[in-house]
Amino acid sequence: MRNDSGSEVAPVRRAAAPPGAAVKVRRGPVAPAVVILVLTQLMFVMNTSIVNVALPDTGRDLGFSSAGLSWVVTAYALAFGGLILLTGKVGSMIGPRRALVLGITIHDTALTAQHTR
């Protein structure tokens, strides 16, 4: 075979899998995972609702126009998206279960600190 520059290229051979090297998939109860995912989604929906409910007070306290309030929602969405990317990386490094528990703990701690002021 020749590549674009005209030099010879050796074909690549795929290594054969050893016999009996089947992938084992561990099956467990699905209900706990579904409950955790539903609760996580519920927290997100509640957070978004809180931001939208707080918009009139935020606009009045900070003197924002309606265009400024749309920036508040946009900033929240951007921050949330950035944190999703960060937690995806953290989940890859420490494992998804630990990352989820860590994220929920940090989130609830921040909400508790905010509401106690």
PDB file of N, CA and C in Angstrom:
ATOM      1  N   MET A   1       0.830  -1.168   0.000  1.00  0.00           N
ATOM      2  CA  MET A   1       0.000   0.000   0.000  1.00  0.00           C
ATOM      3  C   MET A   1       0.885   1.245   0.000  1.00  0.00           C
ATOM      4  N   ARG A   2       0.388   2.313  -0.602  1.00  0.00           N
ATOM      5  CA  ARG A   2       1.101   3.582  -0.619  1.00  0.00           C
ATOM      6  C   ARG A   2       0.245   4.647   0.058  1.00  0.00           C
ATOM      7  N   ASN A   3       0.901   5.527   0.821  1.00  0.00           N
ATOM      8  CA  ASN A   3       0.158   6.631   1.415  1.00  0.00           C
ATOM      9  C   ASN A   3       0.219   7.835   0.494  1.00  0.00           C
ATOM     10  N   ASP A   4      -0.266   8.986   0.917  1.00  0.00           N
ATOM     11  CA  ASP A   4      -0.337  10.176   0.071  1.00  0.00           C
ATOM     12  C   ASP A   4       1.033  10.659  -0.389  1.00  0.00           C
ATOM     13  N   SER A   5       2.065  10.442   0.426  1.00  0.00           N
ATOM     14  CA  SER A   5       3.397  10.915   0.042  1.00  0.00           C
ATOM     15  C   SER A   5       4.094   9.946  -0.909  1.00  0.00           C
ATOM     16  N   GLY A   6       3.502   8.792  -1.172  1.00  0.00           N
ATOM     17  CA  GLY A   6       4.066   7.848  -2.117  1.00  0.00           C
ATOM     18  C   GLY A   6       4.928   6.772  -1.490  1.00  0.00           C
ATOM     19  N   SER A   7       5.158   6.812  -0.196  1.00  0.00           N
ATOM     20  CA  SER A   7       5.988   5.787   0.442  1.00  0.00           C
ATOM     21  C   SER A   7       5.136   4.574   0.801  1.00  0.00           C
ATOM     22  N   GLU A   8       5.812   3.453   0.955  1.00  0.00           N
ATOM     23  CA  GLU A   8       5.133   2.199   1.269  1.00  0.00           C
ATOM     24  C   GLU A   8       4.665   2.184   2.720  1.00  0.00           C
ATOM     25  N   VAL A   9       3.481   1.664   2.941  1.00  0.00           N
ATOM     26  CA  VAL A   9       2.918   1.527   4.280  1.00  0.00           C
ATOM     27  C   VAL A   9       2.499   0.084   4.447  1.00  0.00           C
ATOM     28  N   ALA A  10       2.930  -0.518   5.565  1.00  0.00           N
ATOM     29  CA  ALA A  10       2.565  -1.907   5.829  1.00  0.00           C
ATOM     30  C   ALA A  10       1.130  -1.960   6.344  1.00  0.00           C
ATOM     31  N   PRO A  11       0.344  -2.943   5.885  1.00  0.00           N
ATOM     32  CA  PRO A  11      -1.034  -3.048   6.384  1.00  0.00           C
ATOM     33  C   PRO A  11      -1.038  -3.414   7.870  1.00  0.00           C
ATOM     34  N   VAL A  12      -2.016  -2.928   8.577  1.00  0.00           N
ATOM     35  CA  VAL A  12      -2.134  -3.191  10.007  1.00  0.00           C
ATOM     36  C   VAL A  12      -2.991  -4.427  10.196  1.00  0.00           C
ATOM     37  N   ARG A  13      -2.495  -5.362  11.007  1.00  0.00           N
ATOM     38  CA  ARG A  13      -3.248  -6.579  11.309  1.00  0.00           C
ATOM     39  C   ARG A  13      -3.854  -6.456  12.693  1.00  0.00           C
ATOM     40  N   ARG A  14      -5.061  -6.888  12.799  1.00  0.00           N
ATOM     41  CA  ARG A  14      -5.725  -6.876  14.098  1.00  0.00           C
ATOM     42  C   ARG A  14      -5.360  -8.146  14.852  1.00  0.00           C
ATOM     43  N   ALA A  15      -5.093  -7.976  16.120  1.00  0.00           N
ATOM     44  CA  ALA A  15      -4.772  -9.137  16.953  1.00  0.00           C
ATOM     45  C   ALA A  15      -6.060  -9.890  17.258  1.00  0.00           C
ATOM     46  N   ALA A  16      -5.995 -11.189  17.176  1.00  0.00           N
ATOM     47  CA  ALA A  16      -7.162 -12.012  17.478  1.00  0.00           C
ATOM     48  C   ALA A  16      -7.328 -12.112  18.983  1.00  0.00           C
ATOM     49  N   ALA A  17      -8.574 -12.065  19.449  1.00  0.00           N
ATOM     50  CA  ALA A  17      -8.846 -12.205  20.881  1.00  0.00           C
ATOM     51  C   ALA A  17      -8.583 -13.647  21.285  1.00  0.00           C
ATOM     52  N   PRO A  18      -8.004 -13.839  22.455  1.00  0.00           N
ATOM     53  CA  PRO A  18      -7.770 -15.210  22.904  1.00  0.00           C
ATOM     54  C   PRO A  18      -9.089 -15.940  23.111  1.00  0.00           C
ATOM     55  N   PRO A  19      -9.102 -17.236  22.892  1.00  0.00           N
ATOM     56  CA  PRO A  19     -10.351 -17.980  23.058  1.00  0.00           C
ATOM     57  C   PRO A  19     -10.859 -17.883  24.496  1.00  0.00           C
ATOM     58  N   GLY A  20     -12.150 -17.731  24.649  1.00  0.00           N
ATOM     59  CA  GLY A  20     -12.759 -17.651  25.972  1.00  0.00           C
ATOM     60  C   GLY A  20     -12.621 -16.289  26.620  1.00  0.00           C
ATOM     61  N   ALA A  21     -12.253 -15.252  25.854  1.00  0.00           N
ATOM     62  CA  ALA A  21     -12.068 -13.912  26.420  1.00  0.00           C
ATOM     63  C   ALA A  21     -13.336 -13.087  26.288  1.00  0.00           C
ATOM     64  N   ALA A  22     -14.423 -13.626  26.759  1.00  0.00           N
ATOM     65  CA  ALA A  22     -15.698 -12.912  26.674  1.00  0.00           C
ATOM     66  C   ALA A  22     -15.757 -11.837  27.752  1.00  0.00           C
ATOM     67  N   VAL A  23     -16.446 -10.777  27.443  1.00  0.00           N
ATOM     68  CA  VAL A  23     -16.613  -9.700  28.411  1.00  0.00           C
ATOM     69  C   VAL A  23     -17.723 -10.092  29.378  1.00  0.00           C
ATOM     70  N   LYS A  24     -17.426  -9.992  30.669  1.00  0.00           N
ATOM     71  CA  LYS A  24     -18.431 -10.333  31.672  1.00  0.00           C
ATOM     72  C   LYS A  24     -19.094  -9.043  32.136  1.00  0.00           C
ATOM     73  N   VAL A  25     -20.411  -9.012  32.035  1.00  0.00           N
ATOM     74  CA  VAL A  25     -21.182  -7.855  32.459  1.00  0.00           C
ATOM     75  C   VAL A  25     -21.860  -8.190  33.769  1.00  0.00           C
ATOM     76  N   ARG A  26     -21.595  -7.352  34.775  1.00  0.00           N
ATOM     77  CA  ARG A  26     -22.198  -7.594  36.070  1.00  0.00           C
ATOM     78  C   ARG A  26     -23.594  -6.990  36.084  1.00  0.00           C
ATOM     79  N   ARG A  27     -24.562  -7.801  36.383  1.00  0.00           N
ATOM     80  CA  ARG A  27     -25.948  -7.338  36.455  1.00  0.00           C
ATOM     81  C   ARG A  27     -26.335  -7.226  37.921  1.00  0.00           C
ATOM     82  N   GLY A  28     -26.907  -6.110  38.275  1.00  0.00           N
ATOM     83  CA  GLY A  28     -27.352  -5.898  39.644  1.00  0.00           C
ATOM     84  C   GLY A  28     -28.724  -5.267  39.630  1.00  0.00           C
ATOM     85  N   PRO A  29     -29.203  -4.940  40.816  1.00  0.00           N
ATOM     86  CA  PRO A  29     -30.516  -4.292  40.875  1.00  0.00           C
ATOM     87  C   PRO A  29     -30.464  -2.906  40.239  1.00  0.00           C
ATOM     88  N   VAL A  30     -31.454  -2.598  39.435  1.00  0.00           N
ATOM     89  CA  VAL A  30     -31.498  -1.342  38.700  1.00  0.00           C
ATOM     90  C   VAL A  30     -32.233  -0.273  39.492  1.00  0.00           C
ATOM     91  N   ALA A  31     -33.121  -0.660  40.371  1.00  0.00           N
ATOM     92  CA  ALA A  31     -33.967   0.289  41.095  1.00  0.00           C
ATOM     93  C   ALA A  31     -33.169   1.345  41.859  1.00  0.00           C
ATOM     94  N   PRO A  32     -32.113   1.000  42.615  1.00  0.00           N
ATOM     95  CA  PRO A  32     -31.374   2.050  43.329  1.00  0.00           C
ATOM     96  C   PRO A  32     -30.761   3.085  42.384  1.00  0.00           C
ATOM     97  N   ALA A  33     -30.261   2.654  41.255  1.00  0.00           N
ATOM     98  CA  ALA A  33     -29.676   3.593  40.289  1.00  0.00           C
ATOM     99  C   ALA A  33     -30.746   4.511  39.717  1.00  0.00           C
ATOM    100  N   VAL A  34     -31.909   3.964  39.431  1.00  0.00           N
ATOM    101  CA  VAL A  34     -32.998   4.784  38.884  1.00  0.00           C
ATOM    102  C   VAL A  34     -33.465   5.803  39.920  1.00  0.00           C
ATOM    103  N   VAL A  35     -33.558   5.391  41.176  1.00  0.00           N
ATOM    104  CA  VAL A  35     -33.973   6.304  42.238  1.00  0.00           C
ATOM    105  C   VAL A  35     -32.965   7.445  42.371  1.00  0.00           C
ATOM    106  N   ILE A  36     -31.685   7.139  42.348  1.00  0.00           N
ATOM    107  CA  ILE A  36     -30.646   8.168  42.459  1.00  0.00           C
ATOM    108  C   ILE A  36     -30.722   9.129  41.280  1.00  0.00           C
ATOM    109  N   LEU A  37     -30.891   8.612  40.077  1.00  0.00           N
ATOM    110  CA  LEU A  37     -30.979   9.480  38.907  1.00  0.00           C
ATOM    111  C   LEU A  37     -32.228  10.359  38.942  1.00  0.00           C
ATOM    112  N   VAL A  38     -33.346   9.801  39.386  1.00  0.00           N
ATOM    113  CA  VAL A  38     -34.573  10.591  39.472  1.00  0.00           C
ATOM    114  C   VAL A  38     -34.423  11.700  40.513  1.00  0.00           C
ATOM    115  N   LEU A  39     -33.820  11.395  41.661  1.00  0.00           N
ATOM    116  CA  LEU A  39     -33.614  12.414  42.685  1.00  0.00           C
ATOM    117  C   LEU A  39     -32.650  13.499  42.213  1.00  0.00           C
ATOM    118  N   THR A  40     -31.630  13.103  41.465  1.00  0.00           N
ATOM    119  CA  THR A  40     -30.685  14.078  40.928  1.00  0.00           C
ATOM    120  C   THR A  40     -31.382  15.001  39.930  1.00  0.00           C
ATOM    121  N   GLN A  41     -32.213  14.455  39.070  1.00  0.00           N
ATOM    122  CA  GLN A  41     -32.960  15.274  38.111  1.00  0.00           C
ATOM    123  C   GLN A  41     -33.943  16.184  38.836  1.00  0.00           C
ATOM    124  N   LEU A  42     -34.569  15.687  39.884  1.00  0.00           N
ATOM    125  CA  LEU A  42     -35.489  16.501  40.670  1.00  0.00           C
ATOM    126  C   LEU A  42     -34.760  17.694  41.292  1.00  0.00           C
ATOM    127  N   MET A  43     -33.537  17.473  41.775  1.00  0.00           N
ATOM    128  CA  MET A  43     -32.759  18.579  42.339  1.00  0.00           C
ATOM    129  C   MET A  43     -32.459  19.627  41.274  1.00  0.00           C
ATOM    130  N   PHE A  44     -32.147  19.201  40.072  1.00  0.00           N
ATOM    131  CA  PHE A  44     -31.871  20.151  38.990  1.00  0.00           C
ATOM    132  C   PHE A  44     -33.112  20.971  38.651  1.00  0.00           C
ATOM    133  N   VAL A  45     -34.259  20.309  38.550  1.00  0.00           N
ATOM    134  CA  VAL A  45     -35.497  21.015  38.213  1.00  0.00           C
ATOM    135  C   VAL A  45     -35.859  22.000  39.324  1.00  0.00           C
ATOM    136  N   MET A  46     -35.677  21.599  40.574  1.00  0.00           N
ATOM    137  CA  MET A  46     -35.959  22.501  41.684  1.00  0.00           C
ATOM    138  C   MET A  46     -35.025  23.709  41.659  1.00  0.00           C
ATOM    139  N   ASN A  47     -33.755  23.486  41.368  1.00  0.00           N
ATOM    140  CA  ASN A  47     -32.794  24.588  41.285  1.00  0.00           C
ATOM    141  C   ASN A  47     -33.191  25.579  40.196  1.00  0.00           C
ATOM    142  N   THR A  48     -33.532  25.067  39.045  1.00  0.00           N
ATOM    143  CA  THR A  48     -33.933  25.938  37.943  1.00  0.00           C
ATOM    144  C   THR A  48     -35.199  26.715  38.310  1.00  0.00           C
ATOM    145  N   SER A  49     -36.137  26.056  38.973  1.00  0.00           N
ATOM    146  CA  SER A  49     -37.354  26.731  39.406  1.00  0.00           C
ATOM    147  C   SER A  49     -37.038  27.837  40.418  1.00  0.00           C
ATOM    148  N   ILE A  50     -36.108  27.558  41.321  1.00  0.00           N
ATOM    149  CA  ILE A  50     -35.719  28.557  42.321  1.00  0.00           C
ATOM    150  C   ILE A  50     -35.125  29.781  41.638  1.00  0.00           C
ATOM    151  N   VAL A  51     -34.270  29.557  40.642  1.00  0.00           N
ATOM    152  CA  VAL A  51     -33.669  30.687  39.921  1.00  0.00           C
ATOM    153  C   VAL A  51     -34.765  31.509  39.246  1.00  0.00           C
ATOM    154  N   ASN A  52     -35.713  30.856  38.596  1.00  0.00           N
ATOM    155  CA  ASN A  52     -36.778  31.583  37.906  1.00  0.00           C
ATOM    156  C   ASN A  52     -37.722  32.300  38.875  1.00  0.00           C
ATOM    157  N   VAL A  53     -37.995  31.706  40.025  1.00  0.00           N
ATOM    158  CA  VAL A  53     -38.856  32.351  41.008  1.00  0.00           C
ATOM    159  C   VAL A  53     -38.156  33.555  41.626  1.00  0.00           C
ATOM    160  N   ALA A  54     -36.841  33.465  41.786  1.00  0.00           N
ATOM    161  CA  ALA A  54     -36.077  34.547  42.418  1.00  0.00           C
ATOM    162  C   ALA A  54     -35.766  35.692  41.457  1.00  0.00           C
ATOM    163  N   LEU A  55     -36.062  35.559  40.176  1.00  0.00           N
ATOM    164  CA  LEU A  55     -35.720  36.602  39.208  1.00  0.00           C
ATOM    165  C   LEU A  55     -36.332  37.967  39.516  1.00  0.00           C
ATOM    166  N   PRO A  56     -37.610  38.072  39.852  1.00  0.00           N
ATOM    167  CA  PRO A  56     -38.147  39.411  40.134  1.00  0.00           C
ATOM    168  C   PRO A  56     -37.442  40.098  41.309  1.00  0.00           C
ATOM    169  N   ASP A  57     -37.188  39.351  42.389  1.00  0.00           N
ATOM    170  CA  ASP A  57     -36.481  39.933  43.530  1.00  0.00           C
ATOM    171  C   ASP A  57     -35.052  40.306  43.166  1.00  0.00           C
ATOM    172  N   THR A  58     -34.407  39.461  42.382  1.00  0.00           N
ATOM    173  CA  THR A  58     -33.043  39.748  41.949  1.00  0.00           C
ATOM    174  C   THR A  58     -33.004  41.021  41.114  1.00  0.00           C
ATOM    175  N   GLY A  59     -33.944  41.150  40.201  1.00  0.00           N
ATOM    176  CA  GLY A  59     -33.997  42.341  39.361  1.00  0.00           C
ATOM    177  C   GLY A  59     -34.271  43.599  40.170  1.00  0.00           C
ATOM    178  N   ARG A  60     -35.154  43.483  41.136  1.00  0.00           N
ATOM    179  CA  ARG A  60     -35.484  44.643  41.964  1.00  0.00           C
ATOM    180  C   ARG A  60     -34.306  45.020  42.867  1.00  0.00           C
ATOM    181  N   ASP A  61     -33.674  44.037  43.519  1.00  0.00           N
ATOM    182  CA  ASP A  61     -32.569  44.308  44.444  1.00  0.00           C
ATOM    183  C   ASP A  61     -31.330  44.840  43.733  1.00  0.00           C
ATOM    184  N   LEU A  62     -31.040  44.310  42.561  1.00  0.00           N
ATOM    185  CA  LEU A  62     -29.828  44.714  41.852  1.00  0.00           C
ATOM    186  C   LEU A  62     -30.083  45.757  40.772  1.00  0.00           C
ATOM    187  N   GLY A  63     -31.331  46.093  40.538  1.00  0.00           N
ATOM    188  CA  GLY A  63     -31.649  47.104  39.543  1.00  0.00           C
ATOM    189  C   GLY A  63     -31.463  46.632  38.108  1.00  0.00           C
ATOM    190  N   PHE A  64     -31.705  45.335  37.857  1.00  0.00           N
ATOM    191  CA  PHE A  64     -31.550  44.784  36.519  1.00  0.00           C
ATOM    192  C   PHE A  64     -32.804  45.042  35.694  1.00  0.00           C
ATOM    193  N   SER A  65     -32.602  45.241  34.401  1.00  0.00           N
ATOM    194  CA  SER A  65     -33.730  45.297  33.476  1.00  0.00           C
ATOM    195  C   SER A  65     -34.108  43.866  33.103  1.00  0.00           C
ATOM    196  N   SER A  66     -35.116  43.730  32.270  1.00  0.00           N
ATOM    197  CA  SER A  66     -35.494  42.379  31.839  1.00  0.00           C
ATOM    198  C   SER A  66     -34.380  41.737  31.023  1.00  0.00           C
ATOM    199  N   ALA A  67     -33.622  42.553  30.276  1.00  0.00           N
ATOM    200  CA  ALA A  67     -32.468  42.009  29.532  1.00  0.00           C
ATOM    201  C   ALA A  67     -31.392  41.535  30.506  1.00  0.00           C
ATOM    202  N   GLY A  68     -31.197  42.282  31.584  1.00  0.00           N
ATOM    203  CA  GLY A  68     -30.225  41.871  32.600  1.00  0.00           C
ATOM    204  C   GLY A  68     -30.629  40.581  33.279  1.00  0.00           C
ATOM    205  N   LEU A  69     -31.930  40.404  33.484  1.00  0.00           N
ATOM    206  CA  LEU A  69     -32.419  39.164  34.095  1.00  0.00           C
ATOM    207  C   LEU A  69     -32.186  37.966  33.186  1.00  0.00           C
ATOM    208  N   SER A  70     -32.286  38.187  31.887  1.00  0.00           N
ATOM    209  CA  SER A  70     -32.005  37.070  30.975  1.00  0.00           C
ATOM    210  C   SER A  70     -30.526  36.681  31.060  1.00  0.00           C
ATOM    211  N   TRP A  71     -29.672  37.666  31.337  1.00  0.00           N
ATOM    212  CA  TRP A  71     -28.255  37.345  31.533  1.00  0.00           C
ATOM    213  C   TRP A  71     -28.036  36.538  32.808  1.00  0.00           C
ATOM    214  N   VAL A  72     -28.844  36.776  33.817  1.00  0.00           N
ATOM    215  CA  VAL A  72     -28.743  35.994  35.058  1.00  0.00           C
ATOM    216  C   VAL A  72     -29.037  34.527  34.763  1.00  0.00           C
ATOM    217  N   VAL A  73     -30.100  34.281  34.018  1.00  0.00           N
ATOM    218  CA  VAL A  73     -30.451  32.900  33.666  1.00  0.00           C
ATOM    219  C   VAL A  73     -29.364  32.285  32.787  1.00  0.00           C
ATOM    220  N   THR A  74     -28.834  33.068  31.846  1.00  0.00           N
ATOM    221  CA  THR A  74     -27.771  32.570  30.971  1.00  0.00           C
ATOM    222  C   THR A  74     -26.509  32.256  31.761  1.00  0.00           C
ATOM    223  N   ALA A  75     -26.154  33.128  32.694  1.00  0.00           N
ATOM    224  CA  ALA A  75     -24.963  32.887  33.519  1.00  0.00           C
ATOM    225  C   ALA A  75     -25.138  31.626  34.356  1.00  0.00           C
ATOM    226  N   TYR A  76     -26.339  31.423  34.893  1.00  0.00           N
ATOM    227  CA  TYR A  76     -26.611  30.210  35.660  1.00  0.00           C
ATOM    228  C   TYR A  76     -26.453  28.972  34.780  1.00  0.00           C
ATOM    229  N   ALA A  77     -27.004  29.040  33.577  1.00  0.00           N
ATOM    230  CA  ALA A  77     -26.919  27.889  32.666  1.00  0.00           C
ATOM    231  C   ALA A  77     -25.465  27.614  32.269  1.00  0.00           C
ATOM    232  N   LEU A  78     -24.682  28.663  32.020  1.00  0.00           N
ATOM    233  CA  LEU A  78     -23.274  28.467  31.672  1.00  0.00           C
ATOM    234  C   LEU A  78     -22.479  27.879  32.835  1.00  0.00           C
ATOM    235  N   ALA A  79     -22.726  28.391  34.026  1.00  0.00           N
ATOM    236  CA  ALA A  79     -22.037  27.851  35.202  1.00  0.00           C
ATOM    237  C   ALA A  79     -22.421  26.387  35.416  1.00  0.00           C
ATOM    238  N   PHE A  80     -23.698  26.093  35.260  1.00  0.00           N
ATOM    239  CA  PHE A  80     -24.159  24.714  35.433  1.00  0.00           C
ATOM    240  C   PHE A  80     -23.524  23.796  34.392  1.00  0.00           C
ATOM    241  N   GLY A  81     -23.474  24.248  33.128  1.00  0.00           N
ATOM    242  CA  GLY A  81     -22.852  23.439  32.080  1.00  0.00           C
ATOM    243  C   GLY A  81     -21.372  23.213  32.328  1.00  0.00           C
ATOM    244  N   GLY A  82     -20.672  24.251  32.781  1.00  0.00           N
ATOM    245  CA  GLY A  82     -19.248  24.091  33.099  1.00  0.00           C
ATOM    246  C   GLY A  82     -19.034  23.113  34.235  1.00  0.00           C
ATOM    247  N   LEU A  83     -19.908  23.171  35.232  1.00  0.00           N
ATOM    248  CA  LEU A  83     -19.777  22.229  36.340  1.00  0.00           C
ATOM    249  C   LEU A  83     -20.113  20.801  35.910  1.00  0.00           C
ATOM    250  N   ILE A  84     -21.008  20.657  34.963  1.00  0.00           N
ATOM    251  CA  ILE A  84     -21.298  19.315  34.435  1.00  0.00           C
ATOM    252  C   ILE A  84     -20.039  18.728  33.794  1.00  0.00           C
ATOM    253  N   LEU A  85     -19.333  19.551  33.011  1.00  0.00           N
ATOM    254  CA  LEU A  85     -18.093  19.076  32.390  1.00  0.00           C
ATOM    255  C   LEU A  85     -17.052  18.729  33.444  1.00  0.00           C
ATOM    256  N   LEU A  86     -16.925  19.568  34.459  1.00  0.00           N
ATOM    257  CA  LEU A  86     -15.963  19.313  35.526  1.00  0.00           C
ATOM    258  C   LEU A  86     -16.295  18.033  36.270  1.00  0.00           C
ATOM    259  N   THR A  87     -17.562  17.846  36.608  1.00  0.00           N
ATOM    260  CA  THR A  87     -17.926  16.641  37.333  1.00  0.00           C
ATOM    261  C   THR A  87     -17.793  15.387  36.473  1.00  0.00           C
ATOM    262  N   GLY A  88     -17.932  15.532  35.166  1.00  0.00           N
ATOM    263  CA  GLY A  88     -17.675  14.388  34.285  1.00  0.00           C
ATOM    264  C   GLY A  88     -16.227  13.948  34.379  1.00  0.00           C
ATOM    265  N   LYS A  89     -15.317  14.911  34.419  1.00  0.00           N
ATOM    266  CA  LYS A  89     -13.897  14.591  34.559  1.00  0.00           C
ATOM    267  C   LYS A  89     -13.609  14.002  35.938  1.00  0.00           C
ATOM    268  N   VAL A  90     -14.213  14.588  36.974  1.00  0.00           N
ATOM    269  CA  VAL A  90     -14.036  14.067  38.332  1.00  0.00           C
ATOM    270  C   VAL A  90     -14.573  12.640  38.409  1.00  0.00           C
ATOM    271  N   GLY A  91     -15.713  12.391  37.771  1.00  0.00           N
ATOM    272  CA  GLY A  91     -16.275  11.044  37.755  1.00  0.00           C
ATOM    273  C   GLY A  91     -15.359  10.048  37.072  1.00  0.00           C
ATOM    274  N   SER A  92     -14.657  10.491  36.048  1.00  0.00           N
ATOM    275  CA  SER A  92     -13.697   9.609  35.378  1.00  0.00           C
ATOM    276  C   SER A  92     -12.498   9.319  36.271  1.00  0.00           C
ATOM    277  N   MET A  93     -12.139  10.295  37.109  1.00  0.00           N
ATOM    278  CA  MET A  93     -10.953  10.121  37.952  1.00  0.00           C
ATOM    279  C   MET A  93     -11.246   9.337  39.227  1.00  0.00           C
ATOM    280  N   ILE A  94     -12.365   9.619  39.904  1.00  0.00           N
ATOM    281  CA  ILE A  94     -12.612   8.968  41.198  1.00  0.00           C
ATOM    282  C   ILE A  94     -13.752   7.951  41.154  1.00  0.00           C
ATOM    283  N   GLY A  95     -14.421   7.839  40.046  1.00  0.00           N
ATOM    284  CA  GLY A  95     -15.520   6.889  39.931  1.00  0.00           C
ATOM    285  C   GLY A  95     -16.855   7.603  39.981  1.00  0.00           C
ATOM    286  N   PRO A  96     -17.833   7.103  39.238  1.00  0.00           N
ATOM    287  CA  PRO A  96     -19.114   7.799  39.143  1.00  0.00           C
ATOM    288  C   PRO A  96     -19.893   7.854  40.451  1.00  0.00           C
ATOM    289  N   ARG A  97     -19.857   6.793  41.230  1.00  0.00           N
ATOM    290  CA  ARG A  97     -20.626   6.784  42.478  1.00  0.00           C
ATOM    291  C   ARG A  97     -20.080   7.817  43.456  1.00  0.00           C
ATOM    292  N   ARG A  98     -18.763   7.836  43.634  1.00  0.00           N
ATOM    293  CA  ARG A  98     -18.148   8.814  44.537  1.00  0.00           C
ATOM    294  C   ARG A  98     -18.359  10.234  44.036  1.00  0.00           C
ATOM    295  N   ALA A  99     -18.285  10.431  42.727  1.00  0.00           N
ATOM    296  CA  ALA A  99     -18.474  11.774  42.162  1.00  0.00           C
ATOM    297  C   ALA A  99     -19.901  12.255  42.395  1.00  0.00           C
ATOM    298  N   LEU A 100     -20.886  11.379  42.240  1.00  0.00           N
ATOM    299  CA  LEU A 100     -22.276  11.767  42.463  1.00  0.00           C
ATOM    300  C   LEU A 100     -22.502  12.133  43.920  1.00  0.00           C
ATOM    301  N   VAL A 101     -22.006  11.312  44.834  1.00  0.00           N
ATOM    302  CA  VAL A 101     -22.167  11.599  46.264  1.00  0.00           C
ATOM    303  C   VAL A 101     -21.453  12.899  46.625  1.00  0.00           C
ATOM    304  N   LEU A 102     -20.250  13.108  46.090  1.00  0.00           N
ATOM    305  CA  LEU A 102     -19.512  14.346  46.343  1.00  0.00           C
ATOM    306  C   LEU A 102     -20.277  15.558  45.815  1.00  0.00           C
ATOM    307  N   GLY A 103     -20.811  15.469  44.608  1.00  0.00           N
ATOM    308  CA  GLY A 103     -21.553  16.575  44.029  1.00  0.00           C
ATOM    309  C   GLY A 103     -22.817  16.906  44.799  1.00  0.00           C
ATOM    310  N   ILE A 104     -23.560  15.891  45.205  1.00  0.00           N
ATOM    311  CA  ILE A 104     -24.776  16.124  45.976  1.00  0.00           C
ATOM    312  C   ILE A 104     -24.431  16.745  47.328  1.00  0.00           C
ATOM    313  N   THR A 105     -23.358  16.276  47.951  1.00  0.00           N
ATOM    314  CA  THR A 105     -22.939  16.832  49.238  1.00  0.00           C
ATOM    315  C   THR A 105     -22.555  18.298  49.116  1.00  0.00           C
ATOM    316  N   ILE A 106     -21.757  18.626  48.103  1.00  0.00           N
ATOM    317  CA  ILE A 106     -21.343  20.018  47.900  1.00  0.00           C
ATOM    318  C   ILE A 106     -22.557  20.887  47.598  1.00  0.00           C
ATOM    319  N   HIS A 107     -23.438  20.396  46.756  1.00  0.00           N
ATOM    320  CA  HIS A 107     -24.631  21.160  46.376  1.00  0.00           C
ATOM    321  C   HIS A 107     -25.508  21.426  47.586  1.00  0.00           C
ATOM    322  N   ASP A 108     -25.793  20.404  48.369  1.00  0.00           N
ATOM    323  CA  ASP A 108     -26.654  20.585  49.535  1.00  0.00           C
ATOM    324  C   ASP A 108     -26.002  21.471  50.584  1.00  0.00           C
ATOM    325  N   THR A 109     -24.692  21.367  50.737  1.00  0.00           N
ATOM    326  CA  THR A 109     -23.977  22.231  51.682  1.00  0.00           C
ATOM    327  C   THR A 109     -24.078  23.689  51.252  1.00  0.00           C
ATOM    328  N   ALA A 110     -23.924  23.943  49.962  1.00  0.00           N
ATOM    329  CA  ALA A 110     -24.020  25.313  49.461  1.00  0.00           C
ATOM    330  C   ALA A 110     -25.436  25.856  49.627  1.00  0.00           C
ATOM    331  N   LEU A 111     -26.449  25.047  49.355  1.00  0.00           N
ATOM    332  CA  LEU A 111     -27.827  25.502  49.532  1.00  0.00           C
ATOM    333  C   LEU A 111     -28.144  25.772  50.988  1.00  0.00           C
ATOM    334  N   THR A 112     -27.651  24.913  51.879  1.00  0.00           N
ATOM    335  CA  THR A 112     -27.886  25.112  53.306  1.00  0.00           C
ATOM    336  C   THR A 112     -27.223  26.397  53.779  1.00  0.00           C
ATOM    337  N   ALA A 113     -26.007  26.638  53.336  1.00  0.00           N
ATOM    338  CA  ALA A 113     -25.307  27.865  53.722  1.00  0.00           C
ATOM    339  C   ALA A 113     -26.018  29.099  53.176  1.00  0.00           C
ATOM    340  N   GLN A 114     -26.571  28.992  51.986  1.00  0.00           N
ATOM    341  CA  GLN A 114     -27.280  30.125  51.379  1.00  0.00           C
ATOM    342  C   GLN A 114     -28.577  30.426  52.132  1.00  0.00           C
ATOM    343  N   HIS A 115     -29.285  29.395  52.543  1.00  0.00           N
ATOM    344  CA  HIS A 115     -30.589  29.609  53.185  1.00  0.00           C
ATOM    345  C   HIS A 115     -30.462  29.988  54.654  1.00  0.00           C
ATOM    346  N   THR A 116     -29.314  29.769  55.278  1.00  0.00           N
ATOM    347  CA  THR A 116     -29.151  30.139  56.676  1.00  0.00           C
ATOM    348  C   THR A 116     -28.728  31.583  56.855  1.00  0.00           C
ATOM    349  N   ARG A 117     -28.485  32.291  55.781  1.00  0.00           N
ATOM    350  CA  ARG A 117     -28.078  33.711  55.891  1.00  0.00           C
ATOM    351  C   ARG A 117     -29.228  34.581  56.228  1.00  0.00           C
TER     352      ARG A 117
END
